[in-house]
Amino acid sequence: FMILIGISSGAASIVVSTLWVELYGMGYLGSIRSL
């Protein structure tokens, strides 16, 4: 169980952090990511 939720957690940490750069660029990353 811990392995399976760990896989999703590891992938989610990358998705949540990089998707906004792909969608909205780098200029206002701090304010967008804080949102």
PDB file of all heavy atoms in Angstrom:
ATOM      1  N   PHE A   1       0.826  -1.202   0.000  1.00  0.00           N
ATOM      2  CA  PHE A   1       0.000   0.000   0.000  1.00  0.00           C
ATOM      3  C   PHE A   1       0.865   1.258   0.000  1.00  0.00           C
ATOM      4  O   PHE A   1       0.617   2.198  -0.761  1.00  0.00           O
ATOM      5  CB  PHE A   1      -0.906  -0.020   1.235  1.00  0.00           C
ATOM      6  CG  PHE A   1      -1.641   1.268   1.485  1.00  0.00           C
ATOM      7  CD1 PHE A   1      -2.611   1.723   0.609  1.00  0.00           C
ATOM      8  CD2 PHE A   1      -1.364   2.023   2.617  1.00  0.00           C
ATOM      9  CE1 PHE A   1      -3.288   2.909   0.844  1.00  0.00           C
ATOM     10  CE2 PHE A   1      -2.027   3.214   2.862  1.00  0.00           C
ATOM     11  CZ  PHE A   1      -2.998   3.655   1.974  1.00  0.00           C
ATOM     12  N   MET A   2       1.895   1.266   0.834  1.00  0.00           N
ATOM     13  CA  MET A   2       2.775   2.429   0.911  1.00  0.00           C
ATOM     14  C   MET A   2       3.539   2.640  -0.392  1.00  0.00           C
ATOM     15  O   MET A   2       3.787   3.781  -0.805  1.00  0.00           O
ATOM     16  CB  MET A   2       3.748   2.258   2.082  1.00  0.00           C
ATOM     17  CG  MET A   2       3.074   2.205   3.444  1.00  0.00           C
ATOM     18  SD  MET A   2       2.250   3.745   3.876  1.00  0.00           S
ATOM     19  CE  MET A   2       3.544   4.600   4.734  1.00  0.00           C
ATOM     20  N   ILE A   3       3.917   1.564  -1.047  1.00  0.00           N
ATOM     21  CA  ILE A   3       4.616   1.670  -2.332  1.00  0.00           C
ATOM     22  C   ILE A   3       3.703   2.306  -3.385  1.00  0.00           C
ATOM     23  O   ILE A   3       4.116   3.212  -4.123  1.00  0.00           O
ATOM     24  CB  ILE A   3       5.101   0.293  -2.806  1.00  0.00           C
ATOM     25  CG1 ILE A   3       6.266  -0.190  -1.927  1.00  0.00           C
ATOM     26  CG2 ILE A   3       5.538   0.342  -4.272  1.00  0.00           C
ATOM     27  CD1 ILE A   3       6.682  -1.619  -2.197  1.00  0.00           C
ATOM     28  N   LEU A   4       2.468   1.854  -3.454  1.00  0.00           N
ATOM     29  CA  LEU A   4       1.541   2.346  -4.474  1.00  0.00           C
ATOM     30  C   LEU A   4       1.208   3.821  -4.275  1.00  0.00           C
ATOM     31  O   LEU A   4       1.231   4.613  -5.230  1.00  0.00           O
ATOM     32  CB  LEU A   4       0.265   1.507  -4.471  1.00  0.00           C
ATOM     33  CG  LEU A   4       0.418   0.078  -5.007  1.00  0.00           C
ATOM     34  CD1 LEU A   4      -0.848  -0.724  -4.753  1.00  0.00           C
ATOM     35  CD2 LEU A   4       0.744   0.099  -6.500  1.00  0.00           C
ATOM     36  N   ILE A   5       0.917   4.215  -3.027  1.00  0.00           N
ATOM     37  CA  ILE A   5       0.612   5.637  -2.823  1.00  0.00           C
ATOM     38  C   ILE A   5       1.886   6.470  -2.943  1.00  0.00           C
ATOM     39  O   ILE A   5       1.831   7.663  -3.287  1.00  0.00           O
ATOM     40  CB  ILE A   5      -0.084   5.891  -1.473  1.00  0.00           C
ATOM     41  CG1 ILE A   5       0.836   5.584  -0.283  1.00  0.00           C
ATOM     42  CG2 ILE A   5      -1.367   5.103  -1.373  1.00  0.00           C
ATOM     43  CD1 ILE A   5       0.231   6.015   1.044  1.00  0.00           C
ATOM     44  N   GLY A   6       3.035   5.845  -2.700  1.00  0.00           N
ATOM     45  CA  GLY A   6       4.306   6.548  -2.883  1.00  0.00           C
ATOM     46  C   GLY A   6       4.574   6.865  -4.347  1.00  0.00           C
ATOM     47  O   GLY A   6       5.111   7.928  -4.674  1.00  0.00           O
ATOM     48  N   ILE A   7       4.219   5.939  -5.232  1.00  0.00           N
ATOM     49  CA  ILE A   7       4.395   6.174  -6.671  1.00  0.00           C
ATOM     50  C   ILE A   7       3.580   7.383  -7.116  1.00  0.00           C
ATOM     51  O   ILE A   7       4.080   8.278  -7.805  1.00  0.00           O
ATOM     52  CB  ILE A   7       3.991   4.922  -7.470  1.00  0.00           C
ATOM     53  CG1 ILE A   7       4.973   3.770  -7.189  1.00  0.00           C
ATOM     54  CG2 ILE A   7       3.946   5.228  -8.966  1.00  0.00           C
ATOM     55  CD1 ILE A   7       4.555   2.450  -7.802  1.00  0.00           C
ATOM     56  N   SER A   8       2.316   7.423  -6.705  1.00  0.00           N
ATOM     57  CA  SER A   8       1.475   8.563  -7.076  1.00  0.00           C
ATOM     58  C   SER A   8       1.952   9.855  -6.424  1.00  0.00           C
ATOM     59  O   SER A   8       1.914  10.922  -7.042  1.00  0.00           O
ATOM     60  CB  SER A   8       0.017   8.293  -6.687  1.00  0.00           C
ATOM     61  OG  SER A   8      -0.588   7.376  -7.569  1.00  0.00           O
ATOM     62  N   SER A   9       2.420   9.766  -5.187  1.00  0.00           N
ATOM     63  CA  SER A   9       2.902  10.962  -4.497  1.00  0.00           C
ATOM     64  C   SER A   9       4.147  11.524  -5.174  1.00  0.00           C
ATOM     65  O   SER A   9       4.279  12.746  -5.345  1.00  0.00           O
ATOM     66  CB  SER A   9       3.204  10.646  -3.026  1.00  0.00           C
ATOM     67  OG  SER A   9       2.034  10.286  -2.335  1.00  0.00           O
ATOM     68  N   GLY A  10       5.064  10.641  -5.560  1.00  0.00           N
ATOM     69  CA  GLY A  10       6.269  11.086  -6.244  1.00  0.00           C
ATOM     70  C   GLY A  10       5.958  11.727  -7.584  1.00  0.00           C
ATOM     71  O   GLY A  10       6.502  12.781  -7.923  1.00  0.00           O
ATOM     72  N   ALA A  11       5.069  11.100  -8.340  1.00  0.00           N
ATOM     73  CA  ALA A  11       4.676  11.667  -9.628  1.00  0.00           C
ATOM     74  C   ALA A  11       3.917  12.973  -9.449  1.00  0.00           C
ATOM     75  O   ALA A  11       4.110  13.929 -10.207  1.00  0.00           O
ATOM     76  CB  ALA A  11       3.821  10.659 -10.398  1.00  0.00           C
ATOM     77  N   ALA A  12       3.058  13.032  -8.429  1.00  0.00           N
ATOM     78  CA  ALA A  12       2.268  14.242  -8.188  1.00  0.00           C
ATOM     79  C   ALA A  12       3.156  15.430  -7.852  1.00  0.00           C
ATOM     80  O   ALA A  12       2.868  16.560  -8.267  1.00  0.00           O
ATOM     81  CB  ALA A  12       1.270  13.999  -7.053  1.00  0.00           C
ATOM     82  N   SER A  13       4.234  15.195  -7.122  1.00  0.00           N
ATOM     83  CA  SER A  13       5.124  16.296  -6.754  1.00  0.00           C
ATOM     84  C   SER A  13       5.746  16.938  -7.982  1.00  0.00           C
ATOM     85  O   SER A  13       5.969  18.152  -8.011  1.00  0.00           O
ATOM     86  CB  SER A  13       6.219  15.791  -5.810  1.00  0.00           C
ATOM     87  OG  SER A  13       7.060  14.843  -6.453  1.00  0.00           O
ATOM     88  N   ILE A  14       6.018  16.131  -9.011  1.00  0.00           N
ATOM     89  CA  ILE A  14       6.555  16.667 -10.259  1.00  0.00           C
ATOM     90  C   ILE A  14       5.459  17.344 -11.078  1.00  0.00           C
ATOM     91  O   ILE A  14       5.642  18.445 -11.609  1.00  0.00           O
ATOM     92  CB  ILE A  14       7.214  15.551 -11.086  1.00  0.00           C
ATOM     93  CG1 ILE A  14       8.419  14.965 -10.323  1.00  0.00           C
ATOM     94  CG2 ILE A  14       7.647  16.068 -12.448  1.00  0.00           C
ATOM     95  CD1 ILE A  14       9.561  15.931 -10.140  1.00  0.00           C
ATOM     96  N   VAL A  15       4.306  16.705 -11.179  1.00  0.00           N
ATOM     97  CA  VAL A  15       3.194  17.253 -11.957  1.00  0.00           C
ATOM     98  C   VAL A  15       2.779  18.621 -11.426  1.00  0.00           C
ATOM     99  O   VAL A  15       2.663  19.602 -12.174  1.00  0.00           O
ATOM    100  CB  VAL A  15       1.989  16.291 -11.949  1.00  0.00           C
ATOM    101  CG1 VAL A  15       0.758  16.972 -12.547  1.00  0.00           C
ATOM    102  CG2 VAL A  15       2.304  15.028 -12.725  1.00  0.00           C
ATOM    103  N   VAL A  16       2.551  18.705 -10.124  1.00  0.00           N
ATOM    104  CA  VAL A  16       2.068  19.948  -9.525  1.00  0.00           C
ATOM    105  C   VAL A  16       3.086  21.072  -9.668  1.00  0.00           C
ATOM    106  O   VAL A  16       2.725  22.247  -9.760  1.00  0.00           O
ATOM    107  CB  VAL A  16       1.722  19.713  -8.038  1.00  0.00           C
ATOM    108  CG1 VAL A  16       1.404  21.017  -7.335  1.00  0.00           C
ATOM    109  CG2 VAL A  16       0.539  18.762  -7.920  1.00  0.00           C
ATOM    110  N   SER A  17       4.371  20.716  -9.705  1.00  0.00           N
ATOM    111  CA  SER A  17       5.420  21.737  -9.736  1.00  0.00           C
ATOM    112  C   SER A  17       5.812  22.168 -11.142  1.00  0.00           C
ATOM    113  O   SER A  17       6.271  23.293 -11.332  1.00  0.00           O
ATOM    114  CB  SER A  17       6.661  21.211  -9.003  1.00  0.00           C
ATOM    115  OG  SER A  17       6.371  20.924  -7.650  1.00  0.00           O
ATOM    116  N   THR A  18       5.665  21.296 -12.137  1.00  0.00           N
ATOM    117  CA  THR A  18       6.129  21.626 -13.493  1.00  0.00           C
ATOM    118  C   THR A  18       5.016  21.966 -14.469  1.00  0.00           C
ATOM    119  O   THR A  18       5.264  22.622 -15.481  1.00  0.00           O
ATOM    120  CB  THR A  18       6.941  20.454 -14.084  1.00  0.00           C
ATOM    121  OG1 THR A  18       6.094  19.287 -14.180  1.00  0.00           O
ATOM    122  CG2 THR A  18       8.145  20.136 -13.209  1.00  0.00           C
ATOM    123  N   LEU A  19       3.810  21.539 -14.193  1.00  0.00           N
ATOM    124  CA  LEU A  19       2.713  21.779 -15.133  1.00  0.00           C
ATOM    125  C   LEU A  19       2.482  23.269 -15.353  1.00  0.00           C
ATOM    126  O   LEU A  19       2.217  23.705 -16.479  1.00  0.00           O
ATOM    127  CB  LEU A  19       1.429  21.124 -14.625  1.00  0.00           C
ATOM    128  CG  LEU A  19       0.205  21.239 -15.541  1.00  0.00           C
ATOM    129  CD1 LEU A  19       0.468  20.553 -16.880  1.00  0.00           C
ATOM    130  CD2 LEU A  19      -1.032  20.658 -14.871  1.00  0.00           C
ATOM    131  N   TRP A  20       2.622  24.053 -14.285  1.00  0.00           N
ATOM    132  CA  TRP A  20       2.349  25.486 -14.402  1.00  0.00           C
ATOM    133  C   TRP A  20       3.371  26.189 -15.283  1.00  0.00           C
ATOM    134  O   TRP A  20       3.045  27.187 -15.937  1.00  0.00           O
ATOM    135  CB  TRP A  20       2.295  26.111 -13.011  1.00  0.00           C
ATOM    136  CG  TRP A  20       1.442  25.331 -12.069  1.00  0.00           C
ATOM    137  CD1 TRP A  20       1.805  24.767 -10.885  1.00  0.00           C
ATOM    138  CD2 TRP A  20       0.058  24.986 -12.257  1.00  0.00           C
ATOM    139  NE1 TRP A  20       0.750  24.103 -10.317  1.00  0.00           N
ATOM    140  CE2 TRP A  20      -0.340  24.219 -11.140  1.00  0.00           C
ATOM    141  CE3 TRP A  20      -0.879  25.253 -13.253  1.00  0.00           C
ATOM    142  CZ2 TRP A  20      -1.623  23.724 -10.994  1.00  0.00           C
ATOM    143  CZ3 TRP A  20      -2.169  24.749 -13.109  1.00  0.00           C
ATOM    144  CH2 TRP A  20      -2.531  23.998 -11.995  1.00  0.00           C
ATOM    145  N   VAL A  21       4.608  25.712 -15.287  1.00  0.00           N
ATOM    146  CA  VAL A  21       5.623  26.301 -16.165  1.00  0.00           C
ATOM    147  C   VAL A  21       5.264  26.029 -17.618  1.00  0.00           C
ATOM    148  O   VAL A  21       5.395  26.904 -18.481  1.00  0.00           O
ATOM    149  CB  VAL A  21       7.020  25.741 -15.836  1.00  0.00           C
ATOM    150  CG1 VAL A  21       8.063  26.346 -16.765  1.00  0.00           C
ATOM    151  CG2 VAL A  21       7.376  26.017 -14.383  1.00  0.00           C
ATOM    152  N   GLU A  22       4.813  24.813 -17.907  1.00  0.00           N
ATOM    153  CA  GLU A  22       4.425  24.472 -19.279  1.00  0.00           C
ATOM    154  C   GLU A  22       3.197  25.255 -19.720  1.00  0.00           C
ATOM    155  O   GLU A  22       3.094  25.686 -20.879  1.00  0.00           O
ATOM    156  CB  GLU A  22       4.141  22.971 -19.386  1.00  0.00           C
ATOM    157  CG  GLU A  22       5.380  22.099 -19.227  1.00  0.00           C
ATOM    158  CD  GLU A  22       5.081  20.631 -19.496  1.00  0.00           C
ATOM    159  OE1 GLU A  22       4.031  20.342 -20.095  1.00  0.00           O
ATOM    160  OE2 GLU A  22       5.902  19.785 -19.105  1.00  0.00           O
ATOM    161  N   LEU A  23       2.265  25.454 -18.813  1.00  0.00           N
ATOM    162  CA  LEU A  23       1.026  26.142 -19.166  1.00  0.00           C
ATOM    163  C   LEU A  23       1.177  27.653 -19.220  1.00  0.00           C
ATOM    164  O   LEU A  23       0.675  28.312 -20.132  1.00  0.00           O
ATOM    165  CB  LEU A  23      -0.070  25.784 -18.160  1.00  0.00           C
ATOM    166  CG  LEU A  23      -0.671  24.381 -18.222  1.00  0.00           C
ATOM    167  CD1 LEU A  23      -1.630  24.177 -17.064  1.00  0.00           C
ATOM    168  CD2 LEU A  23      -1.371  24.135 -19.540  1.00  0.00           C
ATOM    169  N   TYR A  24       1.896  28.208 -18.226  1.00  0.00           N
ATOM    170  CA  TYR A  24       1.836  29.652 -18.026  1.00  0.00           C
ATOM    171  C   TYR A  24       3.186  30.363 -18.026  1.00  0.00           C
ATOM    172  O   TYR A  24       3.238  31.566 -17.774  1.00  0.00           O
ATOM    173  CB  TYR A  24       1.110  29.950 -16.709  1.00  0.00           C
ATOM    174  CG  TYR A  24      -0.258  29.308 -16.646  1.00  0.00           C
ATOM    175  CD1 TYR A  24      -0.590  28.403 -15.637  1.00  0.00           C
ATOM    176  CD2 TYR A  24      -1.221  29.597 -17.611  1.00  0.00           C
ATOM    177  CE1 TYR A  24      -1.851  27.815 -15.585  1.00  0.00           C
ATOM    178  CE2 TYR A  24      -2.485  29.008 -17.575  1.00  0.00           C
ATOM    179  CZ  TYR A  24      -2.784  28.113 -16.551  1.00  0.00           C
ATOM    180  OH  TYR A  24      -4.028  27.538 -16.519  1.00  0.00           O
ATOM    181  N   GLY A  25       4.285  29.655 -18.294  1.00  0.00           N
ATOM    182  CA  GLY A  25       5.576  30.307 -18.387  1.00  0.00           C
ATOM    183  C   GLY A  25       6.244  30.531 -17.036  1.00  0.00           C
ATOM    184  O   GLY A  25       5.734  30.145 -15.985  1.00  0.00           O
ATOM    185  N   MET A  26       7.416  31.203 -17.067  1.00  0.00           N
ATOM    186  CA  MET A  26       8.266  31.332 -15.892  1.00  0.00           C
ATOM    187  C   MET A  26       8.163  32.691 -15.207  1.00  0.00           C
ATOM    188  O   MET A  26       8.518  32.839 -14.049  1.00  0.00           O
ATOM    189  CB  MET A  26       9.731  31.113 -16.315  1.00  0.00           C
ATOM    190  CG  MET A  26      10.706  30.962 -15.170  1.00  0.00           C
ATOM    191  SD  MET A  26      10.631  29.335 -14.412  1.00  0.00           S
ATOM    192  CE  MET A  26      11.379  28.350 -15.728  1.00  0.00           C
ATOM    193  N   GLY A  27       7.660  33.712 -15.915  1.00  0.00           N
ATOM    194  CA  GLY A  27       7.743  35.082 -15.421  1.00  0.00           C
ATOM    195  C   GLY A  27       7.101  35.324 -14.077  1.00  0.00           C
ATOM    196  O   GLY A  27       7.632  36.070 -13.252  1.00  0.00           O
ATOM    197  N   TYR A  28       5.932  34.716 -13.835  1.00  0.00           N
ATOM    198  CA  TYR A  28       5.209  34.926 -12.582  1.00  0.00           C
ATOM    199  C   TYR A  28       5.015  33.595 -11.847  1.00  0.00           C
ATOM    200  O   TYR A  28       3.986  33.362 -11.220  1.00  0.00           O
ATOM    201  CB  TYR A  28       3.850  35.576 -12.854  1.00  0.00           C
ATOM    202  CG  TYR A  28       3.958  36.932 -13.511  1.00  0.00           C
ATOM    203  CD1 TYR A  28       3.918  37.055 -14.896  1.00  0.00           C
ATOM    204  CD2 TYR A  28       4.111  38.083 -12.745  1.00  0.00           C
ATOM    205  CE1 TYR A  28       4.028  38.301 -15.504  1.00  0.00           C
ATOM    206  CE2 TYR A  28       4.219  39.328 -13.346  1.00  0.00           C
ATOM    207  CZ  TYR A  28       4.179  39.427 -14.728  1.00  0.00           C
ATOM    208  OH  TYR A  28       4.294  40.661 -15.330  1.00  0.00           O
ATOM    209  N   LEU A  29       6.029  32.746 -11.940  1.00  0.00           N
ATOM    210  CA  LEU A  29       5.915  31.401 -11.381  1.00  0.00           C
ATOM    211  C   LEU A  29       5.615  31.431  -9.890  1.00  0.00           C
ATOM    212  O   LEU A  29       4.816  30.647  -9.388  1.00  0.00           O
ATOM    213  CB  LEU A  29       7.203  30.619 -11.646  1.00  0.00           C
ATOM    214  CG  LEU A  29       7.253  29.203 -11.061  1.00  0.00           C
ATOM    215  CD1 LEU A  29       6.133  28.345 -11.621  1.00  0.00           C
ATOM    216  CD2 LEU A  29       8.614  28.559 -11.338  1.00  0.00           C
ATOM    217  N   GLY A  30       6.275  32.324  -9.153  1.00  0.00           N
ATOM    218  CA  GLY A  30       6.072  32.379  -7.712  1.00  0.00           C
ATOM    219  C   GLY A  30       4.630  32.670  -7.340  1.00  0.00           C
ATOM    220  O   GLY A  30       4.040  31.976  -6.503  1.00  0.00           O
ATOM    221  N   SER A  31       4.046  33.673  -7.952  1.00  0.00           N
ATOM    222  CA  SER A  31       2.666  34.044  -7.625  1.00  0.00           C
ATOM    223  C   SER A  31       1.672  33.009  -8.138  1.00  0.00           C
ATOM    224  O   SER A  31       0.673  32.710  -7.467  1.00  0.00           O
ATOM    225  CB  SER A  31       2.333  35.422  -8.193  1.00  0.00           C
ATOM    226  OG  SER A  31       2.478  35.443  -9.599  1.00  0.00           O
ATOM    227  N   ILE A  32       1.928  32.442  -9.311  1.00  0.00           N
ATOM    228  CA  ILE A  32       1.016  31.422  -9.853  1.00  0.00           C
ATOM    229  C   ILE A  32       1.084  30.146  -9.029  1.00  0.00           C
ATOM    230  O   ILE A  32       0.058  29.552  -8.691  1.00  0.00           O
ATOM    231  CB  ILE A  32       1.339  31.134 -11.331  1.00  0.00           C
ATOM    232  CG1 ILE A  32       1.016  32.358 -12.187  1.00  0.00           C
ATOM    233  CG2 ILE A  32       0.567  29.921 -11.837  1.00  0.00           C
ATOM    234  CD1 ILE A  32       1.438  32.231 -13.630  1.00  0.00           C
ATOM    235  N   ARG A  33       2.308  29.732  -8.683  1.00  0.00           N
ATOM    236  CA  ARG A  33       2.427  28.519  -7.890  1.00  0.00           C
ATOM    237  C   ARG A  33       1.845  28.708  -6.490  1.00  0.00           C
ATOM    238  O   ARG A  33       1.273  27.777  -5.920  1.00  0.00           O
ATOM    239  CB  ARG A  33       3.889  28.068  -7.785  1.00  0.00           C
ATOM    240  CG  ARG A  33       4.019  26.692  -7.152  1.00  0.00           C
ATOM    241  CD  ARG A  33       5.432  26.217  -6.994  1.00  0.00           C
ATOM    242  NE  ARG A  33       5.447  24.882  -6.401  1.00  0.00           N
ATOM    243  CZ  ARG A  33       5.339  24.652  -5.095  1.00  0.00           C
ATOM    244  NH1 ARG A  33       5.213  25.664  -4.246  1.00  0.00           N
ATOM    245  NH2 ARG A  33       5.345  23.418  -4.638  1.00  0.00           N
ATOM    246  N   SER A  34       1.976  29.912  -5.922  1.00  0.00           N
ATOM    247  CA  SER A  34       1.382  30.154  -4.611  1.00  0.00           C
ATOM    248  C   SER A  34      -0.134  30.072  -4.683  1.00  0.00           C
ATOM    249  O   SER A  34      -0.790  29.603  -3.746  1.00  0.00           O
ATOM    250  CB  SER A  34       1.819  31.512  -4.055  1.00  0.00           C
ATOM    251  OG  SER A  34       1.330  32.573  -4.845  1.00  0.00           O
ATOM    252  N   LEU A  35      -0.711  30.523  -5.807  1.00  0.00           N
ATOM    253  CA  LEU A  35      -2.148  30.379  -6.019  1.00  0.00           C
ATOM    254  C   LEU A  35      -2.535  28.910  -6.037  1.00  0.00           C
ATOM    255  O   LEU A  35      -3.468  28.480  -5.330  1.00  0.00           O
ATOM    256  CB  LEU A  35      -2.543  31.040  -7.337  1.00  0.00           C
ATOM    257  CG  LEU A  35      -3.906  30.662  -7.933  1.00  0.00           C
ATOM    258  CD1 LEU A  35      -5.030  31.156  -7.034  1.00  0.00           C
ATOM    259  CD2 LEU A  35      -4.056  31.222  -9.346  1.00  0.00           C
TER     260      LEU A  35
END
